[in-house]
C-alpha atoms as a PDB file:
ATOM      1  CA  MET A   1     121.715 173.840  74.083  1.00  0.00           C
ATOM      2  CA  LYS A   2     124.779 175.628  75.371  1.00  0.00           C
ATOM      3  CA  ASP A   3     128.511 174.155  74.124  1.00  0.00           C
ATOM      4  CA  TYR A   4     129.908 172.076  76.784  1.00  0.00           C
ATOM      5  CA  PRO A   5     132.903 170.286  77.432  1.00  0.00           C
ATOM      6  CA  LYS A   6     132.899 166.649  76.246  1.00  0.00           C
ATOM      7  CA  ASN A   7     133.000 165.057  80.184  1.00  0.00           C
ATOM      8  CA  ILE A   8     129.941 167.312  80.293  1.00  0.00           C
ATOM      9  CA  ASN A   9     128.442 166.186  77.444  1.00  0.00           C
ATOM     10  CA  ARG A  10     129.340 162.920  78.069  1.00  0.00           C
ATOM     11  CA  LEU A  11     127.156 163.060  81.927  1.00  0.00           C
ATOM     12  CA  LEU A  12     124.144 165.322  80.615  1.00  0.00           C
ATOM     13  CA  ARG A  13     124.063 162.269  77.932  1.00  0.00           C
ATOM     14  CA  GLN A  14     124.570 159.457  80.981  1.00  0.00           C
ATOM     15  CA  TYR A  15     122.044 161.460  83.184  1.00  0.00           C
ATOM     16  CA  LEU A  16     119.524 162.023  80.414  1.00  0.00           C
ATOM     17  CA  ILE A  17     119.150 158.386  79.885  1.00  0.00           C
ATOM     18  CA  LYS A  18     118.431 157.762  83.587  1.00  0.00           C
ATOM     19  CA  ALA A  19     116.005 160.228  83.727  1.00  0.00           C
ATOM     20  CA  TYR A  20     114.212 158.881  80.335  1.00  0.00           C
ATOM     21  CA  GLY A  21     114.263 155.165  81.677  1.00  0.00           C
ATOM     22  CA  GLN A  22     113.004 156.389  85.313  1.00  0.00           C
ATOM     23  CA  GLU A  23     109.679 158.270  83.430  1.00  0.00           C
ATOM     24  CA  LEU A  24     109.436 155.565  81.014  1.00  0.00           C
ATOM     25  CA  HIS A  25     109.473 152.912  83.490  1.00  0.00           C
ATOM     26  CA  ARG A  26     106.759 154.836  85.622  1.00  0.00           C
ATOM     27  CA  GLU A  27     104.549 154.767  82.443  1.00  0.00           C
ATOM     28  CA  LEU A  28     105.311 151.212  81.629  1.00  0.00           C
ATOM     29  CA  GLU A  29     104.132 150.190  85.537  1.00  0.00           C
ATOM     30  CA  LYS A  30     100.645 152.334  84.388  1.00  0.00           C
ATOM     31  CA  LEU A  31     100.281 149.923  80.959  1.00  0.00           C
ATOM     32  CA  ASP A  32     101.335 147.035  83.300  1.00  0.00           C
ATOM     33  CA  LEU A  33      97.697 147.946  85.843  1.00  0.00           C
ATOM     34  CA  ASP A  34      95.957 147.654  82.159  1.00  0.00           C
ATOM     35  CA  PHE A  35      97.722 143.760  81.376  1.00  0.00           C
ATOM     36  CA  ALA A  36      96.314 142.506  84.964  1.00  0.00           C
ATOM     37  CA  GLN A  37      92.920 143.833  84.608  1.00  0.00           C
ATOM     38  CA  TRP A  38      92.894 141.991  81.125  1.00  0.00           C
ATOM     39  CA  ARG A  39      94.516 138.917  82.686  1.00  0.00           C
ATOM     40  CA  ASP A  40      92.011 139.060  85.491  1.00  0.00           C
ATOM     41  CA  GLY A  41      89.284 139.033  83.080  1.00  0.00           C
ATOM     42  CA  LYS A  42      88.118 142.983  83.854  1.00  0.00           C
ATOM     43  CA  ILE A  43      88.681 144.214  80.438  1.00  0.00           C
ATOM     44  CA  ASP A  44      88.469 142.360  76.946  1.00  0.00           C
ATOM     45  CA  ASN A  45      91.184 141.888  74.511  1.00  0.00           C
ATOM     46  CA  GLY A  46      89.749 145.147  72.481  1.00  0.00           C
ATOM     47  CA  GLU A  47      90.018 147.695  75.557  1.00  0.00           C
ATOM     48  CA  LEU A  48      93.402 146.340  76.384  1.00  0.00           C
ATOM     49  CA  ASN A  49      94.174 146.650  72.155  1.00  0.00           C
ATOM     50  CA  TYR A  50      92.487 150.319  73.158  1.00  0.00           C
ATOM     51  CA  ARG A  51      95.299 151.357  76.051  1.00  0.00           C
ATOM     52  CA  VAL A  52      97.826 150.161  74.434  1.00  0.00           C
ATOM     53  CA  HIS A  53      97.357 152.161  71.639  1.00  0.00           C
ATOM     54  CA  GLN A  54      96.789 155.101  74.188  1.00  0.00           C
ATOM     55  CA  TYR A  55      99.516 154.339  75.453  1.00  0.00           C
ATOM     56  CA  HIS A  56     101.979 154.163  72.582  1.00  0.00           C
ATOM     57  CA  GLU A  57     100.193 157.460  70.929  1.00  0.00           C
ATOM     58  CA  GLY A  58     100.323 159.171  74.514  1.00  0.00           C
ATOM     59  CA  PRO A  59     103.052 159.017  77.217  1.00  0.00           C
ATOM     60  CA  SER A  60     105.332 156.713  74.700  1.00  0.00           C
ATOM     61  CA  ARG A  61     105.617 159.269  72.079  1.00  0.00           C
ATOM     62  CA  GLU A  62     105.967 162.453  74.435  1.00  0.00           C
ATOM     63  CA  LEU A  63     108.555 161.097  76.251  1.00  0.00           C
ATOM     64  CA  TYR A  64     110.241 159.821  73.065  1.00  0.00           C
ATOM     65  CA  LYS A  65     110.113 163.396  71.678  1.00  0.00           C
ATOM     66  CA  LYS A  66     111.338 165.102  75.192  1.00  0.00           C
ATOM     67  CA  TYR A  67     114.386 163.257  75.445  1.00  0.00           C
ATOM     68  CA  ASN A  68     115.612 162.835  71.766  1.00  0.00           C
ATOM     69  CA  ASN A  69     115.253 166.578  71.248  1.00  0.00           C
ATOM     70  CA  SER A  70     118.696 167.929  71.687  1.00  0.00           C
ATOM     71  CA  PHE A  71     117.989 169.969  74.814  1.00  0.00           C
ATOM     72  CA  ASP A  72     119.675 168.013  77.308  1.00  0.00           C
ATOM     73  CA  ASP A  73     120.473 170.194  79.687  1.00  0.00           C
ATOM     74  CA  MET A  74     117.342 171.451  80.087  1.00  0.00           C
ATOM     75  CA  ASN A  75     115.691 167.569  80.328  1.00  0.00           C
ATOM     76  CA  VAL A  76     118.141 167.124  83.108  1.00  0.00           C
ATOM     77  CA  ALA A  77     117.603 169.715  85.202  1.00  0.00           C
ATOM     78  CA  TYR A  78     113.802 169.365  84.953  1.00  0.00           C
ATOM     79  CA  ALA A  79     114.653 165.924  86.153  1.00  0.00           C
ATOM     80  CA  ILE A  80     116.778 167.080  88.657  1.00  0.00           C
ATOM     81  CA  VAL A  81     114.259 170.202  90.190  1.00  0.00           C
ATOM     82  CA  THR A  82     110.962 167.550  89.753  1.00  0.00           C
ATOM     83  CA  GLY A  83     112.664 164.594  91.692  1.00  0.00           C
ATOM     84  CA  ILE A  84     113.289 162.328  88.712  1.00  0.00           C
ATOM     85  CA  LEU A  85     116.846 162.324  89.550  1.00  0.00           C
ATOM     86  CA  ASN A  86     118.236 162.503  92.860  1.00  0.00           C
ATOM     87  CA  ARG A  87     119.963 165.841  93.435  1.00  0.00           C
ATOM     88  CA  ASP A  88     123.015 163.797  95.652  1.00  0.00           C
ATOM     89  CA  GLU A  89     123.863 161.301  93.071  1.00  0.00           C
ATOM     90  CA  ILE A  90     124.188 164.262  90.232  1.00  0.00           C
ATOM     91  CA  PRO A  91     128.140 165.100  90.357  1.00  0.00           C
ATOM     92  CA  THR A  92     128.685 168.637  91.250  1.00  0.00           C
ATOM     93  CA  GLN A  93     130.267 169.259  88.021  1.00  0.00           C
ATOM     94  CA  LEU A  94     127.258 168.675  86.226  1.00  0.00           C
ATOM     95  CA  LEU A  95     125.474 170.613  88.921  1.00  0.00           C
ATOM     96  CA  GLU A  96     127.428 173.821  88.105  1.00  0.00           C
ATOM     97  CA  ALA A  97     127.722 173.645  84.319  1.00  0.00           C
ATOM     98  CA  ILE A  98     123.794 173.189  83.868  1.00  0.00           C
ATOM     99  CA  SER A  99     123.360 175.943  87.399  1.00  0.00           C
ATOM    100  CA  ASP A 100     121.097 178.462  85.083  1.00  0.00           C
ATOM    101  CA  SER A 101     118.989 175.662  83.703  1.00  0.00           C
ATOM    102  CA  LEU A 102     118.410 174.563  86.951  1.00  0.00           C
ATOM    103  CA  ALA A 103     117.834 178.013  88.642  1.00  0.00           C
ATOM    104  CA  TYR A 104     115.108 178.453  85.699  1.00  0.00           C
ATOM    105  CA  TYR A 105     113.327 175.229  86.736  1.00  0.00           C
ATOM    106  CA  GLN A 106     113.835 175.978  90.434  1.00  0.00           C
ATOM    107  CA  ALA A 107     112.081 179.578  89.715  1.00  0.00           C
ATOM    108  CA  ILE A 108     109.341 178.024  88.076  1.00  0.00           C
ATOM    109  CA  LYS A 109     108.204 175.155  90.940  1.00  0.00           C
ATOM    110  CA  GLU A 110     108.245 177.888  93.659  1.00  0.00           C
ATOM    111  CA  GLN A 111     105.897 179.730  91.873  1.00  0.00           C
ATOM    112  CA  GLY A 112     103.657 176.860  91.337  1.00  0.00           C
ATOM    113  CA  ASN A 113     103.719 176.697  87.667  1.00  0.00           C
ATOM    114  CA  LEU A 114     106.351 173.651  87.254  1.00  0.00           C
ATOM    115  CA  LYS A 115     104.093 170.651  85.173  1.00  0.00           C
ATOM    116  CA  GLU A 116     105.287 167.590  87.313  1.00  0.00           C
ATOM    117  CA  PRO A 117     106.234 164.099  85.727  1.00  0.00           C
ATOM    118  CA  GLY A 118     103.002 162.336  85.006  1.00  0.00           C
ATOM    119  CA  GLU A 119     100.910 165.395  84.488  1.00  0.00           C
END
């Protein structure tokens, strides 16, 4: 990660936490559907336990690794370009500070090679 001023680092951290929360919420909603099936008797305890384990070993672990790797600027830029974060809600000073990272992800997206959230 580039060396940013303290105010930019603070903003990066703030929006990183927000992006992580958004992605985590999306994955937990999927897991909630599994719990609903269990409550409705459509799957048994063992199947639910398996799905919880799959969630923990898969999406939960991947998101934790992604958002705790010290590439805050790249993660925030990715979240903006993919729509996890609304660009209109991001302070201009932060957008300017990570403009190179935004351009990188935008170029990949325009080529059709950007992995979208949840894929």
